[in-house]
Amino acid sequence: MENRRNSRVNRPNYKQYNRPAQTGPGPDEMVFGIQSVLETLRSDQQIDKLYMEKGLSNPDIQNLAFQKRVTIQRVPPERLDRLTRKNHQGVVCLIAQVQYVKLSNVIADVYERGETPFFLLLDRITDVRNFGAIARTAECTGVQCIVIPGRGAAAINSDAMKTSSGALNHISVCREPDLTETVKYLQESGITIVACTEKSARDLYERNTDLSGPIAIIMGSEEDGISPELLRMADTNVKIPLLGSVGSLNVSVATGVVLYEAVRQRTLSSQTES
């Protein structure tokens, strides 16, 4: 049976960062053509994906994309043709359904409220429905921020919004061009990086597994898990015990398991302190 929101008490009053943008094209729209994409980049509307045909050069688009921290994904013309049959002129962008926020602002706000950072980093989660389900669980567990890479992540589109049951309207989402630099920044901000991987020797439920402090949990790609570089950078790693014959869990299910273990530990820690 589903737990409804009105059964929860004393929920922190988090700031509503991710309001749909109010200017430019609607949040579900695809924009194509050089001039249209340029105008979108110049507007306040945030871009979720920007595809440009391989070999095409347009300094205006490239410079504006760099200024807006939008990663250009170089693709063959067939990929653009699958997105639209109209004259795209080699460039297509998808409008973000949320307003991405700066990670530094989220960290400052969390500390300012006197809360313990509880973040989630998604390394190349590409399935839109997995992403939406993860966002729903993250919001329900009190995660303050989801961090995604600028390249190789699921689009935050209507399917993601629907699967999240609207949770993406209530949780901050940060898009970072380089997750390795993001991990360094989080560590410098006093946040422990916890990687969830089947390669770990540490069981999630071992006594010395501590998820009660300032943490950012990394969950990896559906295909190959967390990238080796991020695994090396993590302060600690844990694995979910698998007692059956199947060798892995769906990433959205695995995320729920880890997040709720963190909730359990954090609840016990706060009760001990009080």
Protein backbone atom coordinates (compact mmCIF):
# COMPACT_ATOMS: atom_id res chain seq x y z
CA MET A 1 0.00 0.00 0.00
CA GLU A 2 1.35 3.40 -0.94
CA ASN A 3 2.30 5.81 1.82
CA ARG A 4 0.61 9.15 1.22
CA ARG A 5 2.39 12.42 1.92
CA ASN A 6 -0.10 13.53 4.59
CA SER A 7 1.06 10.65 6.79
CA ARG A 8 4.46 12.31 7.24
CA VAL A 9 5.16 14.78 9.97
CA ASN A 10 7.75 17.44 10.67
CA ARG A 11 8.98 17.49 7.10
CA PRO A 12 11.68 20.14 6.51
CA ASN A 13 10.50 23.11 4.51
CA TYR A 14 12.90 22.82 1.59
CA LYS A 15 13.13 25.62 -0.93
CA GLN A 16 11.29 24.97 -4.16
CA TYR A 17 14.16 25.46 -6.60
CA ASN A 18 12.88 23.51 -9.58
CA ARG A 19 9.92 25.53 -10.78
CA PRO A 20 9.15 25.20 -14.49
CA ALA A 21 10.66 28.03 -16.48
CA GLN A 22 8.21 30.77 -17.38
CA THR A 23 9.78 32.17 -20.54
CA GLY A 24 10.68 30.83 -23.96
CA PRO A 25 9.29 27.59 -25.43
CA GLY A 26 7.05 25.36 -23.36
CA PRO A 27 8.76 22.70 -21.24
CA ASP A 28 7.73 19.81 -23.51
CA GLU A 29 8.88 21.42 -26.74
CA MET A 30 11.67 20.46 -29.07
CA VAL A 31 13.46 23.36 -30.72
CA PHE A 32 15.33 22.87 -33.99
CA GLY A 33 17.04 25.01 -36.59
CA ILE A 34 20.04 27.27 -36.06
CA GLN A 35 18.20 30.53 -35.41
CA SER A 36 15.59 28.97 -33.14
CA VAL A 37 18.23 27.21 -31.04
CA LEU A 38 20.25 30.44 -30.81
CA GLU A 39 17.22 32.34 -29.53
CA THR A 40 16.50 29.61 -27.01
CA LEU A 41 20.09 29.76 -25.75
CA ARG A 42 19.77 33.53 -25.40
CA SER A 43 16.53 33.21 -23.41
CA ASP A 44 16.04 32.30 -19.74
CA GLN A 45 14.79 28.86 -20.77
CA GLN A 46 17.07 26.04 -19.68
CA ILE A 47 18.11 23.37 -22.15
CA ASP A 48 18.16 19.72 -21.19
CA LYS A 49 19.86 18.32 -24.28
CA LEU A 50 21.61 20.00 -27.19
CA TYR A 51 22.37 17.82 -30.20
CA MET A 52 24.54 18.99 -33.09
CA GLU A 53 25.39 17.09 -36.23
CA LYS A 54 28.94 15.76 -36.37
CA GLY A 55 31.16 18.00 -38.46
CA LEU A 56 28.85 21.01 -38.18
CA SER A 57 30.44 24.19 -36.85
CA ASN A 58 28.49 27.16 -35.53
CA PRO A 59 30.58 29.43 -33.28
CA ASP A 60 27.53 31.35 -32.01
CA ILE A 61 25.77 28.23 -30.75
CA GLN A 62 28.99 26.73 -29.41
CA ASN A 63 29.95 29.90 -27.50
CA LEU A 64 26.49 30.38 -26.02
CA ALA A 65 26.31 26.71 -25.02
CA PHE A 66 29.67 27.05 -23.27
CA GLN A 67 28.48 30.16 -21.41
CA LYS A 68 25.27 28.41 -20.32
CA ARG A 69 27.19 25.24 -19.37
CA VAL A 70 25.16 23.19 -21.84
CA THR A 71 27.03 20.18 -23.21
CA ILE A 72 26.80 19.77 -26.98
CA GLN A 73 26.33 16.15 -27.96
CA ARG A 74 27.71 15.41 -31.41
CA VAL A 75 25.48 12.92 -33.23
CA PRO A 76 25.09 11.55 -36.77
CA PRO A 77 22.39 13.18 -38.93
CA GLU A 78 20.26 10.03 -38.64
CA ARG A 79 19.85 10.68 -34.92
CA LEU A 80 18.50 14.17 -35.61
CA ASP A 81 16.23 12.85 -38.34
CA ARG A 82 14.70 10.46 -35.81
CA LEU A 83 13.95 13.40 -33.50
CA THR A 84 12.20 15.45 -36.19
CA ARG A 85 11.44 15.09 -39.88
CA LYS A 86 11.48 18.84 -40.35
CA ASN A 87 14.47 20.91 -41.48
CA HIS A 88 16.59 20.89 -38.32
CA GLN A 89 19.69 22.34 -40.05
CA GLY A 90 21.88 20.01 -38.02
CA VAL A 91 20.92 21.20 -34.55
CA VAL A 92 18.14 20.21 -32.12
CA CYS A 93 17.62 21.06 -28.46
CA LEU A 94 15.22 19.72 -25.85
CA ILE A 95 13.83 22.06 -23.23
CA ALA A 96 14.34 21.18 -19.57
CA GLN A 97 11.23 20.61 -17.49
CA VAL A 98 13.01 21.78 -14.35
CA GLN A 99 15.27 24.68 -13.54
CA TYR A 100 18.73 23.32 -12.80
CA VAL A 101 20.41 24.91 -9.80
CA LYS A 102 23.98 25.48 -8.68
CA LEU A 103 25.36 22.85 -6.35
CA SER A 104 27.18 25.51 -4.33
CA ASN A 105 23.86 27.24 -3.62
CA VAL A 106 22.24 24.00 -2.47
CA ILE A 107 25.14 23.15 -0.14
CA ALA A 108 25.14 26.63 1.36
CA ASP A 109 21.38 26.51 1.87
CA VAL A 110 21.49 23.07 3.52
CA TYR A 111 24.18 24.13 5.98
CA GLU A 112 22.39 27.43 6.59
CA ARG A 113 19.27 25.52 7.64
CA GLY A 114 21.36 23.51 10.08
CA GLU A 115 20.68 20.27 8.25
CA THR A 116 22.98 17.35 7.45
CA PRO A 117 23.72 17.08 3.70
CA PHE A 118 22.02 14.10 2.06
CA PHE A 119 22.72 14.13 -1.68
CA LEU A 120 22.42 11.65 -4.54
CA LEU A 121 24.79 11.48 -7.53
CA LEU A 122 23.61 9.57 -10.60
CA ASP A 123 26.43 8.42 -12.86
CA ARG A 124 25.05 7.92 -16.39
CA ILE A 125 21.55 6.78 -15.49
CA THR A 126 20.05 6.82 -18.99
CA ASP A 127 16.62 5.22 -18.64
CA VAL A 128 14.03 7.95 -18.22
CA ARG A 129 11.67 5.84 -16.13
CA ASN A 130 14.47 4.66 -13.86
CA PHE A 131 15.43 8.28 -13.35
CA GLY A 132 11.86 9.29 -12.56
CA ALA A 133 11.44 6.44 -10.07
CA ILE A 134 14.74 7.35 -8.41
CA ALA A 135 13.69 10.98 -8.13
CA ARG A 136 10.42 9.95 -6.47
CA THR A 137 12.22 7.82 -3.88
CA ALA A 138 14.85 10.50 -3.31
CA GLU A 139 12.20 13.12 -2.59
CA CYS A 140 10.33 10.77 -0.26
CA THR A 141 13.50 10.00 1.71
CA GLY A 142 14.44 13.66 2.20
CA VAL A 143 17.34 13.81 -0.25
CA GLN A 144 18.07 17.50 -0.73
CA CYS A 145 19.64 17.34 -4.17
CA ILE A 146 20.09 15.03 -7.15
CA VAL A 147 23.28 15.60 -9.18
CA ILE A 148 23.47 14.42 -12.79
CA PRO A 149 26.21 14.75 -15.44
CA GLY A 150 25.85 17.13 -18.35
CA ARG A 151 26.38 14.27 -20.78
CA GLY A 152 25.14 10.69 -20.73
CA ALA A 153 22.12 11.18 -18.46
CA ALA A 154 18.41 10.62 -19.02
CA ALA A 155 16.46 13.57 -20.35
CA ILE A 156 14.18 15.18 -17.80
CA ASN A 157 11.12 15.06 -20.00
CA SER A 158 7.41 14.41 -19.54
CA ASP A 159 8.02 10.68 -19.00
CA ALA A 160 10.50 11.41 -16.21
CA MET A 161 8.10 13.88 -14.62
CA LYS A 162 5.23 11.40 -14.81
CA THR A 163 7.27 8.51 -13.38
CA SER A 164 8.47 10.72 -10.54
CA SER A 165 4.81 11.50 -9.68
CA GLY A 166 5.73 15.19 -9.62
CA ALA A 167 8.65 14.70 -7.22
CA LEU A 168 10.94 16.54 -9.64
CA ASN A 169 9.00 19.71 -8.85
CA HIS A 170 10.04 19.42 -5.20
CA ILE A 171 13.69 18.42 -5.25
CA SER A 172 16.73 20.33 -6.45
CA VAL A 173 18.50 18.97 -9.53
CA CYS A 174 22.06 20.01 -10.34
CA ARG A 175 23.64 19.33 -13.71
CA GLU A 176 27.43 19.24 -13.56
CA PRO A 177 29.76 19.01 -16.59
CA ASP A 178 32.32 16.84 -14.76
CA LEU A 179 31.31 14.52 -11.92
CA THR A 180 34.93 14.00 -10.87
CA GLU A 181 35.26 17.73 -10.16
CA THR A 182 31.89 17.61 -8.42
CA VAL A 183 33.07 14.81 -6.13
CA LYS A 184 36.18 16.83 -5.23
CA TYR A 185 34.04 19.86 -4.45
CA LEU A 186 31.69 17.85 -2.26
CA GLN A 187 34.61 16.36 -0.34
CA GLU A 188 36.09 19.82 0.17
CA SER A 189 32.68 20.85 1.53
CA GLY A 190 32.84 18.20 4.24
CA ILE A 191 30.63 15.65 2.51
CA THR A 192 31.53 11.94 2.46
CA ILE A 193 31.18 10.19 -0.89
CA VAL A 194 29.59 6.74 -0.66
CA ALA A 195 29.62 4.54 -3.77
CA CYS A 196 27.03 1.76 -4.02
CA THR A 197 28.63 -1.04 -6.03
CA GLU A 198 28.55 -4.83 -6.18
CA LYS A 199 32.37 -4.68 -6.31
CA SER A 200 32.53 -3.56 -2.67
CA ALA A 201 33.69 -5.86 0.13
CA ARG A 202 31.60 -3.92 2.66
CA ASP A 203 28.01 -4.97 3.25
CA LEU A 204 25.44 -2.16 3.47
CA TYR A 205 24.19 -3.61 6.75
CA GLU A 206 27.54 -4.06 8.51
CA ARG A 207 27.81 -2.31 11.84
CA ASN A 208 30.63 -0.04 10.74
CA THR A 209 28.72 1.21 7.68
CA ASP A 210 27.87 4.77 8.63
CA LEU A 211 25.39 6.72 6.54
CA SER A 212 24.28 9.09 9.27
CA GLY A 213 26.62 11.99 8.54
CA PRO A 214 26.96 14.43 5.60
CA ILE A 215 26.90 12.09 2.60
CA ALA A 216 26.51 11.97 -1.16
CA ILE A 217 25.58 8.51 -2.44
CA ILE A 218 26.68 7.55 -5.96
CA MET A 219 24.55 5.17 -8.02
CA GLY A 220 25.89 3.96 -11.34
CA SER A 221 24.81 3.21 -14.88
CA GLU A 222 22.33 0.46 -15.69
CA GLU A 223 24.94 -1.05 -18.01
CA ASP A 224 28.26 -0.97 -16.19
CA GLY A 225 27.72 0.64 -12.79
CA ILE A 226 29.83 3.47 -11.40
CA SER A 227 32.74 4.60 -13.56
CA PRO A 228 36.17 3.42 -12.30
CA GLU A 229 37.42 6.98 -11.71
CA LEU A 230 34.50 7.86 -9.45
CA LEU A 231 34.88 4.55 -7.62
CA ARG A 232 38.52 5.37 -6.87
CA MET A 233 37.58 8.82 -5.60
CA ALA A 234 34.82 7.63 -3.26
CA ASP A 235 35.58 7.81 0.48
CA THR A 236 33.84 4.49 1.05
CA ASN A 237 31.76 1.97 -0.84
CA VAL A 238 29.03 -0.49 0.05
CA LYS A 239 27.16 -3.33 -1.59
CA ILE A 240 23.60 -4.54 -1.18
CA PRO A 241 23.58 -8.24 -0.19
CA LEU A 242 22.00 -10.44 -2.88
CA LEU A 243 20.77 -13.74 -1.46
CA GLY A 244 19.02 -15.19 -4.50
CA SER A 245 20.16 -16.43 -7.89
CA VAL A 246 19.84 -13.14 -9.80
CA GLY A 247 23.08 -11.17 -9.75
CA SER A 248 21.82 -7.61 -9.60
CA LEU A 249 18.96 -5.26 -8.76
CA ASN A 250 17.32 -2.66 -10.96
CA VAL A 251 19.09 0.63 -10.24
CA SER A 252 15.93 2.39 -9.04
CA VAL A 253 15.23 -0.46 -6.60
CA ALA A 254 18.86 -0.48 -5.42
CA THR A 255 18.71 3.27 -4.87
CA GLY A 256 15.61 2.88 -2.72
CA VAL A 257 17.30 0.21 -0.58
CA VAL A 258 20.37 2.37 0.09
CA LEU A 259 18.45 5.60 0.69
CA TYR A 260 16.10 4.02 3.21
CA GLU A 261 19.01 2.43 5.07
CA ALA A 262 20.45 5.95 5.30
CA VAL A 263 17.08 7.20 6.58
CA ARG A 264 17.04 4.46 9.23
CA GLN A 265 20.54 5.32 10.44
CA ARG A 266 19.92 9.06 10.42
CA THR A 267 16.67 8.63 12.37
CA LEU A 268 18.42 6.53 15.01
CA SER A 269 21.28 9.03 15.19
CA SER A 270 18.93 11.98 15.74
CA GLN A 271 17.02 10.05 18.42
CA THR A 272 20.28 9.25 20.21
CA GLU A 273 21.37 12.89 20.12
CA SER A 274 18.04 14.09 21.54
